[in-house]
Each structure stands twice: as structure tokens, then as C-alpha cells.
Amino acid sequence: MNGVLGSTELLLGDGLNPQHRRFVEIIHANAQHLLKIVNDILDLSKLEVGKLVLDRHWFELNQCLDQVIQAMEPQAVDRQITLSVHTEGNVSKQLYGGHLD
């Protein structure tokens, strides 16, 4: 995964046209998400042996939701699905929660 991430970073530094840049940005973002999934699987093994530690911190809800939409966008476009997010006005924009570290 680090090779894919490094390669996409090199491509992003190159003179790409806007459409190719967007494709490489999507590849890069999805590679980052895949690396996160691999790390989460490794965290599950830590959980099984009782060595998992949660790192609690503040995070922005909208930023988190935007990342989910970006990750799902290519599959949604392929299936002609429109993705959108709506949060009620009384939902806090900044939340405190656990993060696997």
C-alpha cells in the first residue's frame, strides 16, 4: 500500500490534466482507506489478545462524513446512485470519541 500511495503522490506532483488528476486523487484516497482497513484488521488481532488501546480525541463530524462520501463516490457513480449527507441542526459538529491507535 505504501508503494501505491507513494506512486500516486509522485503522479500528483506531475503535470496532469484535471480529469487525470481527479482519478489519481481518488486512487490515492482509496489507497489510504485500504491501508486504514488493513491497520484495523491488525487492531482486531490486538483486541483478541487484550492489547488494544483507544485514543480518544475531538473530531469534526462533517469532515468525517465527507471522507466517507469520497470513499464511496466511485462505486455510487458506477451504479448511478447519488450520495448525500444531511445532519439535523441539533447534532454537534464537533464530537469526542474513541479512535483505534
PDB file of N, CA and C in Angstrom:
ATOM      1  N   MET A   1       0.825  -1.191   0.000  1.00  0.00           N
ATOM      2  CA  MET A   1       0.000   0.000   0.000  1.00  0.00           C
ATOM      3  C   MET A   1       0.871   1.256   0.000  1.00  0.00           C
ATOM      4  N   ASN A   2       1.970   1.181   0.720  1.00  0.00           N
ATOM      5  CA  ASN A   2       2.849   2.351   0.735  1.00  0.00           C
ATOM      6  C   ASN A   2       3.400   2.634  -0.652  1.00  0.00           C
ATOM      7  N   GLY A   3       3.645   1.605  -1.453  1.00  0.00           N
ATOM      8  CA  GLY A   3       4.089   1.795  -2.825  1.00  0.00           C
ATOM      9  C   GLY A   3       3.038   2.472  -3.676  1.00  0.00           C
ATOM     10  N   VAL A   4       1.787   2.064  -3.512  1.00  0.00           N
ATOM     11  CA  VAL A   4       0.686   2.690  -4.256  1.00  0.00           C
ATOM     12  C   VAL A   4       0.542   4.145  -3.833  1.00  0.00           C
ATOM     13  N   LEU A   5       0.587   4.395  -2.525  1.00  0.00           N
ATOM     14  CA  LEU A   5       0.468   5.770  -2.041  1.00  0.00           C
ATOM     15  C   LEU A   5       1.616   6.641  -2.546  1.00  0.00           C
ATOM     16  N   GLY A   6       2.834   6.106  -2.494  1.00  0.00           N
ATOM     17  CA  GLY A   6       3.984   6.866  -2.976  1.00  0.00           C
ATOM     18  C   GLY A   6       3.894   7.159  -4.465  1.00  0.00           C
ATOM     19  N   SER A   7       3.461   6.178  -5.234  1.00  0.00           N
ATOM     20  CA  SER A   7       3.330   6.364  -6.686  1.00  0.00           C
ATOM     21  C   SER A   7       2.280   7.410  -7.026  1.00  0.00           C
ATOM     22  N   THR A   8       1.159   7.374  -6.322  1.00  0.00           N
ATOM     23  CA  THR A   8       0.109   8.366  -6.607  1.00  0.00           C
ATOM     24  C   THR A   8       0.569   9.760  -6.196  1.00  0.00           C
ATOM     25  N   GLU A   9       1.351   9.850  -5.125  1.00  0.00           N
ATOM     26  CA  GLU A   9       1.876  11.161  -4.728  1.00  0.00           C
ATOM     27  C   GLU A   9       2.820  11.706  -5.796  1.00  0.00           C
ATOM     28  N   LEU A  10       3.632  10.832  -6.390  1.00  0.00           N
ATOM     29  CA  LEU A  10       4.502  11.262  -7.477  1.00  0.00           C
ATOM     30  C   LEU A  10       3.691  11.737  -8.677  1.00  0.00           C
ATOM     31  N   LEU A  11       2.641  10.992  -9.015  1.00  0.00           N
ATOM     32  CA  LEU A  11       1.789  11.393 -10.134  1.00  0.00           C
ATOM     33  C   LEU A  11       1.117  12.742  -9.877  1.00  0.00           C
ATOM     34  N   LEU A  12       0.681  12.949  -8.632  1.00  0.00           N
ATOM     35  CA  LEU A  12       0.015  14.216  -8.310  1.00  0.00           C
ATOM     36  C   LEU A  12       0.963  15.393  -8.442  1.00  0.00           C
ATOM     37  N   GLY A  13       2.261  15.159  -8.291  1.00  0.00           N
ATOM     38  CA  GLY A  13       3.245  16.217  -8.464  1.00  0.00           C
ATOM     39  C   GLY A  13       3.584  16.479  -9.919  1.00  0.00           C
ATOM     40  N   ASP A  14       3.085  15.613 -10.796  1.00  0.00           N
ATOM     41  CA  ASP A  14       3.358  15.733 -12.225  1.00  0.00           C
ATOM     42  C   ASP A  14       2.294  16.623 -12.875  1.00  0.00           C
ATOM     43  N   GLY A  15       2.509  17.020 -14.103  1.00  0.00           N
ATOM     44  CA  GLY A  15       1.573  17.887 -14.814  1.00  0.00           C
ATOM     45  C   GLY A  15       0.403  17.120 -15.395  1.00  0.00           C
ATOM     46  N   LEU A  16      -0.560  16.749 -14.580  1.00  0.00           N
ATOM     47  CA  LEU A  16      -1.732  16.004 -15.040  1.00  0.00           C
ATOM     48  C   LEU A  16      -2.835  16.953 -15.465  1.00  0.00           C
ATOM     49  N   ASN A  17      -3.632  16.504 -16.442  1.00  0.00           N
ATOM     50  CA  ASN A  17      -4.809  17.308 -16.785  1.00  0.00           C
ATOM     51  C   ASN A  17      -5.835  17.123 -15.656  1.00  0.00           C
ATOM     52  N   PRO A  18      -6.827  18.000 -15.559  1.00  0.00           N
ATOM     53  CA  PRO A  18      -7.760  17.958 -14.426  1.00  0.00           C
ATOM     54  C   PRO A  18      -8.475  16.612 -14.246  1.00  0.00           C
ATOM     55  N   GLN A  19      -8.872  15.982 -15.343  1.00  0.00           N
ATOM     56  CA  GLN A  19      -9.579  14.702 -15.222  1.00  0.00           C
ATOM     57  C   GLN A  19      -8.653  13.625 -14.675  1.00  0.00           C
ATOM     58  N   HIS A  20      -7.428  13.540 -15.172  1.00  0.00           N
ATOM     59  CA  HIS A  20      -6.471  12.544 -14.679  1.00  0.00           C
ATOM     60  C   HIS A  20      -6.091  12.833 -13.233  1.00  0.00           C
ATOM     61  N   ARG A  21      -5.940  14.107 -12.889  1.00  0.00           N
ATOM     62  CA  ARG A  21      -5.638  14.478 -11.504  1.00  0.00           C
ATOM     63  C   ARG A  21      -6.738  13.977 -10.570  1.00  0.00           C
ATOM     64  N   ARG A  22      -7.987  14.166 -10.970  1.00  0.00           N
ATOM     65  CA  ARG A  22      -9.130  13.713 -10.148  1.00  0.00           C
ATOM     66  C   ARG A  22      -9.071  12.199  -9.970  1.00  0.00           C
ATOM     67  N   PHE A  23      -8.783  11.447 -11.031  1.00  0.00           N
ATOM     68  CA  PHE A  23      -8.683   9.986 -10.944  1.00  0.00           C
ATOM     69  C   PHE A  23      -7.567   9.570  -9.978  1.00  0.00           C
ATOM     70  N   VAL A  24      -6.414  10.229 -10.082  1.00  0.00           N
ATOM     71  CA  VAL A  24      -5.290   9.880  -9.204  1.00  0.00           C
ATOM     72  C   VAL A  24      -5.609  10.254  -7.761  1.00  0.00           C
ATOM     73  N   GLU A  25      -6.308  11.366  -7.555  1.00  0.00           N
ATOM     74  CA  GLU A  25      -6.725  11.745  -6.198  1.00  0.00           C
ATOM     75  C   GLU A  25      -7.653  10.691  -5.604  1.00  0.00           C
ATOM     76  N   ILE A  26      -8.559  10.153  -6.414  1.00  0.00           N
ATOM     77  CA  ILE A  26      -9.475   9.104  -5.952  1.00  0.00           C
ATOM     78  C   ILE A  26      -8.698   7.841  -5.620  1.00  0.00           C
ATOM     79  N   ILE A  27      -7.750   7.467  -6.479  1.00  0.00           N
ATOM     80  CA  ILE A  27      -6.917   6.284  -6.215  1.00  0.00           C
ATOM     81  C   ILE A  27      -6.152   6.475  -4.912  1.00  0.00           C
ATOM     82  N   HIS A  28      -5.578   7.650  -4.732  1.00  0.00           N
ATOM     83  CA  HIS A  28      -4.791   7.935  -3.535  1.00  0.00           C
ATOM     84  C   HIS A  28      -5.667   7.843  -2.276  1.00  0.00           C
ATOM     85  N   ALA A  29      -6.844   8.463  -2.332  1.00  0.00           N
ATOM     86  CA  ALA A  29      -7.743   8.443  -1.177  1.00  0.00           C
ATOM     87  C   ALA A  29      -8.182   7.015  -0.857  1.00  0.00           C
ATOM     88  N   ASN A  30      -8.504   6.229  -1.875  1.00  0.00           N
ATOM     89  CA  ASN A  30      -8.938   4.858  -1.643  1.00  0.00           C
ATOM     90  C   ASN A  30      -7.798   3.983  -1.133  1.00  0.00           C
ATOM     91  N   ALA A  31      -6.572   4.247  -1.585  1.00  0.00           N
ATOM     92  CA  ALA A  31      -5.414   3.515  -1.055  1.00  0.00           C
ATOM     93  C   ALA A  31      -5.216   3.839   0.416  1.00  0.00           C
ATOM     94  N   GLN A  32      -5.430   5.089   0.786  1.00  0.00           N
ATOM     95  CA  GLN A  32      -5.338   5.462   2.200  1.00  0.00           C
ATOM     96  C   GLN A  32      -6.405   4.739   3.017  1.00  0.00           C
ATOM     97  N   HIS A  33      -7.613   4.648   2.471  1.00  0.00           N
ATOM     98  CA  HIS A  33      -8.691   3.946   3.170  1.00  0.00           C
ATOM     99  C   HIS A  33      -8.389   2.455   3.284  1.00  0.00           C
ATOM    100  N   LEU A  34      -7.833   1.869   2.227  1.00  0.00           N
ATOM    101  CA  LEU A  34      -7.484   0.454   2.265  1.00  0.00           C
ATOM    102  C   LEU A  34      -6.390   0.194   3.300  1.00  0.00           C
ATOM    103  N   LEU A  35      -5.412   1.082   3.369  1.00  0.00           N
ATOM    104  CA  LEU A  35      -4.370   0.954   4.388  1.00  0.00           C
ATOM    105  C   LEU A  35      -4.984   1.030   5.781  1.00  0.00           C
ATOM    106  N   LYS A  36      -5.965   1.897   5.962  1.00  0.00           N
ATOM    107  CA  LYS A  36      -6.674   2.009   7.251  1.00  0.00           C
ATOM    108  C   LYS A  36      -7.383   0.703   7.579  1.00  0.00           C
ATOM    109  N   ILE A  37      -8.013   0.071   6.579  1.00  0.00           N
ATOM    110  CA  ILE A  37      -8.705  -1.197   6.801  1.00  0.00           C
ATOM    111  C   ILE A  37      -7.705  -2.274   7.217  1.00  0.00           C
ATOM    112  N   VAL A  38      -6.564  -2.327   6.551  1.00  0.00           N
ATOM    113  CA  VAL A  38      -5.523  -3.298   6.915  1.00  0.00           C
ATOM    114  C   VAL A  38      -5.085  -3.066   8.358  1.00  0.00           C
ATOM    115  N   ASN A  39      -4.872  -1.804   8.713  1.00  0.00           N
ATOM    116  CA  ASN A  39      -4.484  -1.494  10.091  1.00  0.00           C
ATOM    117  C   ASN A  39      -5.585  -1.855  11.082  1.00  0.00           C
ATOM    118  N   ASP A  40      -6.848  -1.656  10.685  1.00  0.00           N
ATOM    119  CA  ASP A  40      -7.960  -2.043  11.558  1.00  0.00           C
ATOM    120  C   ASP A  40      -7.996  -3.551  11.779  1.00  0.00           C
ATOM    121  N   ILE A  41      -7.698  -4.317  10.736  1.00  0.00           N
ATOM    122  CA  ILE A  41      -7.651  -5.776  10.874  1.00  0.00           C
ATOM    123  C   ILE A  41      -6.544  -6.164  11.855  1.00  0.00           C
ATOM    124  N   LEU A  42      -5.415  -5.485  11.746  1.00  0.00           N
ATOM    125  CA  LEU A  42      -4.329  -5.740  12.698  1.00  0.00           C
ATOM    126  C   LEU A  42      -4.755  -5.369  14.118  1.00  0.00           C
ATOM    127  N   ASP A  43      -5.550  -4.284  14.243  1.00  0.00           N
ATOM    128  CA  ASP A  43      -6.053  -3.900  15.560  1.00  0.00           C
ATOM    129  C   ASP A  43      -6.975  -4.965  16.139  1.00  0.00           C
ATOM    130  N   LEU A  44      -7.730  -5.649  15.284  1.00  0.00           N
ATOM    131  CA  LEU A  44      -8.591  -6.731  15.775  1.00  0.00           C
ATOM    132  C   LEU A  44      -7.767  -7.836  16.423  1.00  0.00           C
ATOM    133  N   SER A  45      -6.613  -8.112  15.849  1.00  0.00           N
ATOM    134  CA  SER A  45      -5.761  -9.127  16.467  1.00  0.00           C
ATOM    135  C   SER A  45      -5.258  -8.638  17.821  1.00  0.00           C
ATOM    136  N   LYS A  46      -4.995  -7.328  17.949  1.00  0.00           N
ATOM    137  CA  LYS A  46      -4.617  -6.769  19.251  1.00  0.00           C
ATOM    138  C   LYS A  46      -5.762  -6.914  20.246  1.00  0.00           C
ATOM    139  N   LEU A  47      -6.977  -6.680  19.768  1.00  0.00           N
ATOM    140  CA  LEU A  47      -8.151  -6.803  20.630  1.00  0.00           C
ATOM    141  C   LEU A  47      -8.282  -8.218  21.172  1.00  0.00           C
ATOM    142  N   GLU A  48      -8.048  -9.185  20.324  1.00  0.00           N
ATOM    143  CA  GLU A  48      -8.169 -10.592  20.724  1.00  0.00           C
ATOM    144  C   GLU A  48      -7.185 -10.971  21.818  1.00  0.00           C
ATOM    145  N   VAL A  49      -6.023 -10.323  21.855  1.00  0.00           N
ATOM    146  CA  VAL A  49      -5.030 -10.652  22.887  1.00  0.00           C
ATOM    147  C   VAL A  49      -5.025  -9.625  24.017  1.00  0.00           C
ATOM    148  N   GLY A  50      -6.002  -8.720  24.019  1.00  0.00           N
ATOM    149  CA  GLY A  50      -6.145  -7.767  25.115  1.00  0.00           C
ATOM    150  C   GLY A  50      -5.135  -6.636  25.115  1.00  0.00           C
ATOM    151  N   LYS A  51      -4.606  -6.272  23.964  1.00  0.00           N
ATOM    152  CA  LYS A  51      -3.593  -5.213  23.893  1.00  0.00           C
ATOM    153  C   LYS A  51      -4.043  -4.010  23.066  1.00  0.00           C
ATOM    154  N   LEU A  52      -5.342  -3.831  22.893  1.00  0.00           N
ATOM    155  CA  LEU A  52      -5.851  -2.718  22.106  1.00  0.00           C
ATOM    156  C   LEU A  52      -6.064  -1.496  22.992  1.00  0.00           C
ATOM    157  N   VAL A  53      -5.591  -0.334  22.547  1.00  0.00           N
ATOM    158  CA  VAL A  53      -5.741   0.917  23.281  1.00  0.00           C
ATOM    159  C   VAL A  53      -6.514   1.896  22.411  1.00  0.00           C
ATOM    160  N   LEU A  54      -7.571   2.509  22.979  1.00  0.00           N
ATOM    161  CA  LEU A  54      -8.335   3.527  22.251  1.00  0.00           C
ATOM    162  C   LEU A  54      -7.767   4.899  22.559  1.00  0.00           C
ATOM    163  N   ASP A  55      -7.579   5.684  21.519  1.00  0.00           N
ATOM    164  CA  ASP A  55      -7.128   7.059  21.647  1.00  0.00           C
ATOM    165  C   ASP A  55      -8.350   7.950  21.481  1.00  0.00           C
ATOM    166  N   ARG A  56      -8.756   8.618  22.535  1.00  0.00           N
ATOM    167  CA  ARG A  56      -9.933   9.494  22.456  1.00  0.00           C
ATOM    168  C   ARG A  56      -9.493  10.912  22.116  1.00  0.00           C
ATOM    169  N   HIS A  57     -10.237  11.529  21.198  1.00  0.00           N
ATOM    170  CA  HIS A  57      -9.933  12.895  20.790  1.00  0.00           C
ATOM    171  C   HIS A  57     -11.159  13.539  20.150  1.00  0.00           C
ATOM    172  N   TRP A  58     -11.097  14.849  19.977  1.00  0.00           N
ATOM    173  CA  TRP A  58     -12.163  15.587  19.308  1.00  0.00           C
ATOM    174  C   TRP A  58     -11.996  15.438  17.795  1.00  0.00           C
ATOM    175  N   PHE A  59     -13.114  15.343  17.072  1.00  0.00           N
ATOM    176  CA  PHE A  59     -13.068  15.289  15.618  1.00  0.00           C
ATOM    177  C   PHE A  59     -14.262  16.024  15.042  1.00  0.00           C
ATOM    178  N   GLU A  60     -14.092  16.461  13.801  1.00  0.00           N
ATOM    179  CA  GLU A  60     -15.143  17.195  13.099  1.00  0.00           C
ATOM    180  C   GLU A  60     -16.070  16.214  12.393  1.00  0.00           C
ATOM    181  N   LEU A  61     -17.350  16.224  12.737  1.00  0.00           N
ATOM    182  CA  LEU A  61     -18.317  15.297  12.152  1.00  0.00           C
ATOM    183  C   LEU A  61     -18.403  15.467  10.640  1.00  0.00           C
ATOM    184  N   ASN A  62     -18.504  16.710  10.176  1.00  0.00           N
ATOM    185  CA  ASN A  62     -18.660  16.937   8.726  1.00  0.00           C
ATOM    186  C   ASN A  62     -17.450  16.444   7.943  1.00  0.00           C
ATOM    187  N   GLN A  63     -16.249  16.625   8.480  1.00  0.00           N
ATOM    188  CA  GLN A  63     -15.043  16.147   7.804  1.00  0.00           C
ATOM    189  C   GLN A  63     -15.063  14.622   7.715  1.00  0.00           C
ATOM    190  N   CYS A  64     -15.480  13.972   8.782  1.00  0.00           N
ATOM    191  CA  CYS A  64     -15.572  12.513   8.794  1.00  0.00           C
ATOM    192  C   CYS A  64     -16.592  12.024   7.757  1.00  0.00           C
ATOM    193  N   LEU A  65     -17.748  12.672   7.720  1.00  0.00           N
ATOM    194  CA  LEU A  65     -18.786  12.289   6.764  1.00  0.00           C
ATOM    195  C   LEU A  65     -18.345  12.539   5.328  1.00  0.00           C
ATOM    196  N   ASP A  66     -17.635  13.640   5.098  1.00  0.00           N
ATOM    197  CA  ASP A  66     -17.115  13.936   3.755  1.00  0.00           C
ATOM    198  C   ASP A  66     -16.148  12.843   3.288  1.00  0.00           C
ATOM    199  N   GLN A  67     -15.319  12.350   4.202  1.00  0.00           N
ATOM    200  CA  GLN A  67     -14.371  11.293   3.849  1.00  0.00           C
ATOM    201  C   GLN A  67     -15.106  10.007   3.469  1.00  0.00           C
ATOM    202  N   VAL A  68     -16.194   9.709   4.168  1.00  0.00           N
ATOM    203  CA  VAL A  68     -16.986   8.522   3.841  1.00  0.00           C
ATOM    204  C   VAL A  68     -17.602   8.670   2.451  1.00  0.00           C
ATOM    205  N   ILE A  69     -18.165   9.834   2.171  1.00  0.00           N
ATOM    206  CA  ILE A  69     -18.777  10.083   0.856  1.00  0.00           C
ATOM    207  C   ILE A  69     -17.733   9.965  -0.247  1.00  0.00           C
ATOM    208  N   GLN A  70     -16.545  10.549  -0.055  1.00  0.00           N
ATOM    209  CA  GLN A  70     -15.482  10.470  -1.066  1.00  0.00           C
ATOM    210  C   GLN A  70     -15.072   9.024  -1.325  1.00  0.00           C
ATOM    211  N   ALA A  71     -15.002   8.228  -0.277  1.00  0.00           N
ATOM    212  CA  ALA A  71     -14.598   6.836  -0.438  1.00  0.00           C
ATOM    213  C   ALA A  71     -15.651   6.033  -1.202  1.00  0.00           C
ATOM    214  N   MET A  72     -16.917   6.361  -1.009  1.00  0.00           N
ATOM    215  CA  MET A  72     -17.999   5.611  -1.632  1.00  0.00           C
ATOM    216  C   MET A  72     -18.405   6.157  -3.000  1.00  0.00           C
ATOM    217  N   GLU A  73     -17.954   7.358  -3.327  1.00  0.00           N
ATOM    218  CA  GLU A  73     -18.385   8.027  -4.560  1.00  0.00           C
ATOM    219  C   GLU A  73     -18.138   7.227  -5.840  1.00  0.00           C
ATOM    220  N   PRO A  74     -16.946   6.641  -6.047  1.00  0.00           N
ATOM    221  CA  PRO A  74     -16.744   5.912  -7.306  1.00  0.00           C
ATOM    222  C   PRO A  74     -17.737   4.760  -7.501  1.00  0.00           C
ATOM    223  N   GLN A  75     -18.025   4.017  -6.451  1.00  0.00           N
ATOM    224  CA  GLN A  75     -18.985   2.912  -6.572  1.00  0.00           C
ATOM    225  C   GLN A  75     -20.395   3.442  -6.811  1.00  0.00           C
ATOM    226  N   ALA A  76     -20.725   4.546  -6.167  1.00  0.00           N
ATOM    227  CA  ALA A  76     -22.055   5.128  -6.354  1.00  0.00           C
ATOM    228  C   ALA A  76     -22.240   5.619  -7.782  1.00  0.00           C
ATOM    229  N   VAL A  77     -21.232   6.275  -8.326  1.00  0.00           N
ATOM    230  CA  VAL A  77     -21.311   6.771  -9.705  1.00  0.00           C
ATOM    231  C   VAL A  77     -21.484   5.603 -10.667  1.00  0.00           C
ATOM    232  N   ASP A  78     -20.718   4.522 -10.452  1.00  0.00           N
ATOM    233  CA  ASP A  78     -20.845   3.335 -11.305  1.00  0.00           C
ATOM    234  C   ASP A  78     -22.259   2.773 -11.282  1.00  0.00           C
ATOM    235  N   ARG A  79     -22.931   2.900 -10.159  1.00  0.00           N
ATOM    236  CA  ARG A  79     -24.286   2.350 -10.009  1.00  0.00           C
ATOM    237  C   ARG A  79     -25.371   3.414 -10.219  1.00  0.00           C
ATOM    238  N   GLN A  80     -24.947   4.597 -10.628  1.00  0.00           N
ATOM    239  CA  GLN A  80     -25.847   5.728 -10.871  1.00  0.00           C
ATOM    240  C   GLN A  80     -26.663   6.077  -9.627  1.00  0.00           C
ATOM    241  N   ILE A  81     -25.963   6.109  -8.495  1.00  0.00           N
ATOM    242  CA  ILE A  81     -26.568   6.464  -7.209  1.00  0.00           C
ATOM    243  C   ILE A  81     -26.015   7.823  -6.789  1.00  0.00           C
ATOM    244  N   THR A  82     -26.881   8.678  -6.302  1.00  0.00           N
ATOM    245  CA  THR A  82     -26.456   9.971  -5.777  1.00  0.00           C
ATOM    246  C   THR A  82     -26.328   9.864  -4.271  1.00  0.00           C
ATOM    247  N   LEU A  83     -25.150  10.205  -3.762  1.00  0.00           N
ATOM    248  CA  LEU A  83     -24.918  10.179  -2.318  1.00  0.00           C
ATOM    249  C   LEU A  83     -25.034  11.587  -1.760  1.00  0.00           C
ATOM    250  N   SER A  84     -25.646  11.698  -0.594  1.00  0.00           N
ATOM    251  CA  SER A  84     -25.689  12.984   0.094  1.00  0.00           C
ATOM    252  C   SER A  84     -25.781  12.716   1.593  1.00  0.00           C
ATOM    253  N   VAL A  85     -25.407  13.719   2.359  1.00  0.00           N
ATOM    254  CA  VAL A  85     -25.440  13.619   3.814  1.00  0.00           C
ATOM    255  C   VAL A  85     -26.220  14.788   4.359  1.00  0.00           C
ATOM    256  N   HIS A  86     -27.070  14.508   5.317  1.00  0.00           N
ATOM    257  CA  HIS A  86     -27.826  15.562   5.986  1.00  0.00           C
ATOM    258  C   HIS A  86     -27.756  15.300   7.487  1.00  0.00           C
ATOM    259  N   THR A  87     -27.342  16.294   8.241  1.00  0.00           N
ATOM    260  CA  THR A  87     -27.366  16.175   9.700  1.00  0.00           C
ATOM    261  C   THR A  87     -28.360  17.184  10.244  1.00  0.00           C
ATOM    262  N   GLU A  88     -29.067  16.791  11.251  1.00  0.00           N
ATOM    263  CA  GLU A  88     -30.037  17.678  11.886  1.00  0.00           C
ATOM    264  C   GLU A  88     -29.301  18.831  12.563  1.00  0.00           C
ATOM    265  N   GLY A  89     -29.966  19.936  12.703  1.00  0.00           N
ATOM    266  CA  GLY A  89     -29.364  21.120  13.293  1.00  0.00           C
ATOM    267  C   GLY A  89     -28.898  20.941  14.722  1.00  0.00           C
ATOM    268  N   ASN A  90     -29.518  20.008  15.454  1.00  0.00           N
ATOM    269  CA  ASN A  90     -29.150  19.829  16.861  1.00  0.00           C
ATOM    270  C   ASN A  90     -27.989  18.845  17.061  1.00  0.00           C
ATOM    271  N   VAL A  91     -27.413  18.339  15.980  1.00  0.00           N
ATOM    272  CA  VAL A  91     -26.270  17.435  16.080  1.00  0.00           C
ATOM    273  C   VAL A  91     -25.006  18.272  16.166  1.00  0.00           C
ATOM    274  N   SER A  92     -24.199  17.998  17.170  1.00  0.00           N
ATOM    275  CA  SER A  92     -22.957  18.731  17.358  1.00  0.00           C
ATOM    276  C   SER A  92     -22.024  18.518  16.173  1.00  0.00           C
ATOM    277  N   LYS A  93     -21.363  19.569  15.745  1.00  0.00           N
ATOM    278  CA  LYS A  93     -20.433  19.482  14.616  1.00  0.00           C
ATOM    279  C   LYS A  93     -19.074  18.939  15.051  1.00  0.00           C
ATOM    280  N   GLN A  94     -18.782  19.025  16.343  1.00  0.00           N
ATOM    281  CA  GLN A  94     -17.534  18.502  16.862  1.00  0.00           C
ATOM    282  C   GLN A  94     -17.870  17.467  17.936  1.00  0.00           C
ATOM    283  N   LEU A  95     -17.299  16.280  17.787  1.00  0.00           N
ATOM    284  CA  LEU A  95     -17.603  15.179  18.691  1.00  0.00           C
ATOM    285  C   LEU A  95     -16.324  14.660  19.341  1.00  0.00           C
ATOM    286  N   TYR A  96     -16.498  13.983  20.454  1.00  0.00           N
ATOM    287  CA  TYR A  96     -15.380  13.376  21.175  1.00  0.00           C
ATOM    288  C   TYR A  96     -15.603  11.878  21.152  1.00  0.00           C
ATOM    289  N   GLY A  97     -14.617  11.138  20.645  1.00  0.00           N
ATOM    290  CA  GLY A  97     -14.810   9.700  20.555  1.00  0.00           C
ATOM    291  C   GLY A  97     -13.512   8.948  20.503  1.00  0.00           C
ATOM    292  N   GLY A  98     -13.659   7.633  20.551  1.00  0.00           N
ATOM    293  CA  GLY A  98     -12.502   6.766  20.536  1.00  0.00           C
ATOM    294  C   GLY A  98     -12.010   6.493  19.137  1.00  0.00           C
ATOM    295  N   HIS A  99     -10.710   6.385  19.027  1.00  0.00           N
ATOM    296  CA  HIS A  99     -10.048   6.105  17.755  1.00  0.00           C
ATOM    297  C   HIS A  99      -9.030   5.010  18.018  1.00  0.00           C
ATOM    298  N   LEU A 100      -9.013   4.005  17.181  1.00  0.00           N
ATOM    299  CA  LEU A 100      -8.013   2.951  17.347  1.00  0.00           C
ATOM    300  C   LEU A 100      -6.656   3.508  17.014  1.00  0.00           C
ATOM    301  N   ASP A 101      -5.731   3.350  17.951  1.00  0.00           N
ATOM    302  CA  ASP A 101      -4.395   3.880  17.716  1.00  0.00           C
ATOM    303  C   ASP A 101      -3.394   2.758  17.607  1.00  0.00           C
TER     304      ASP A 101
END
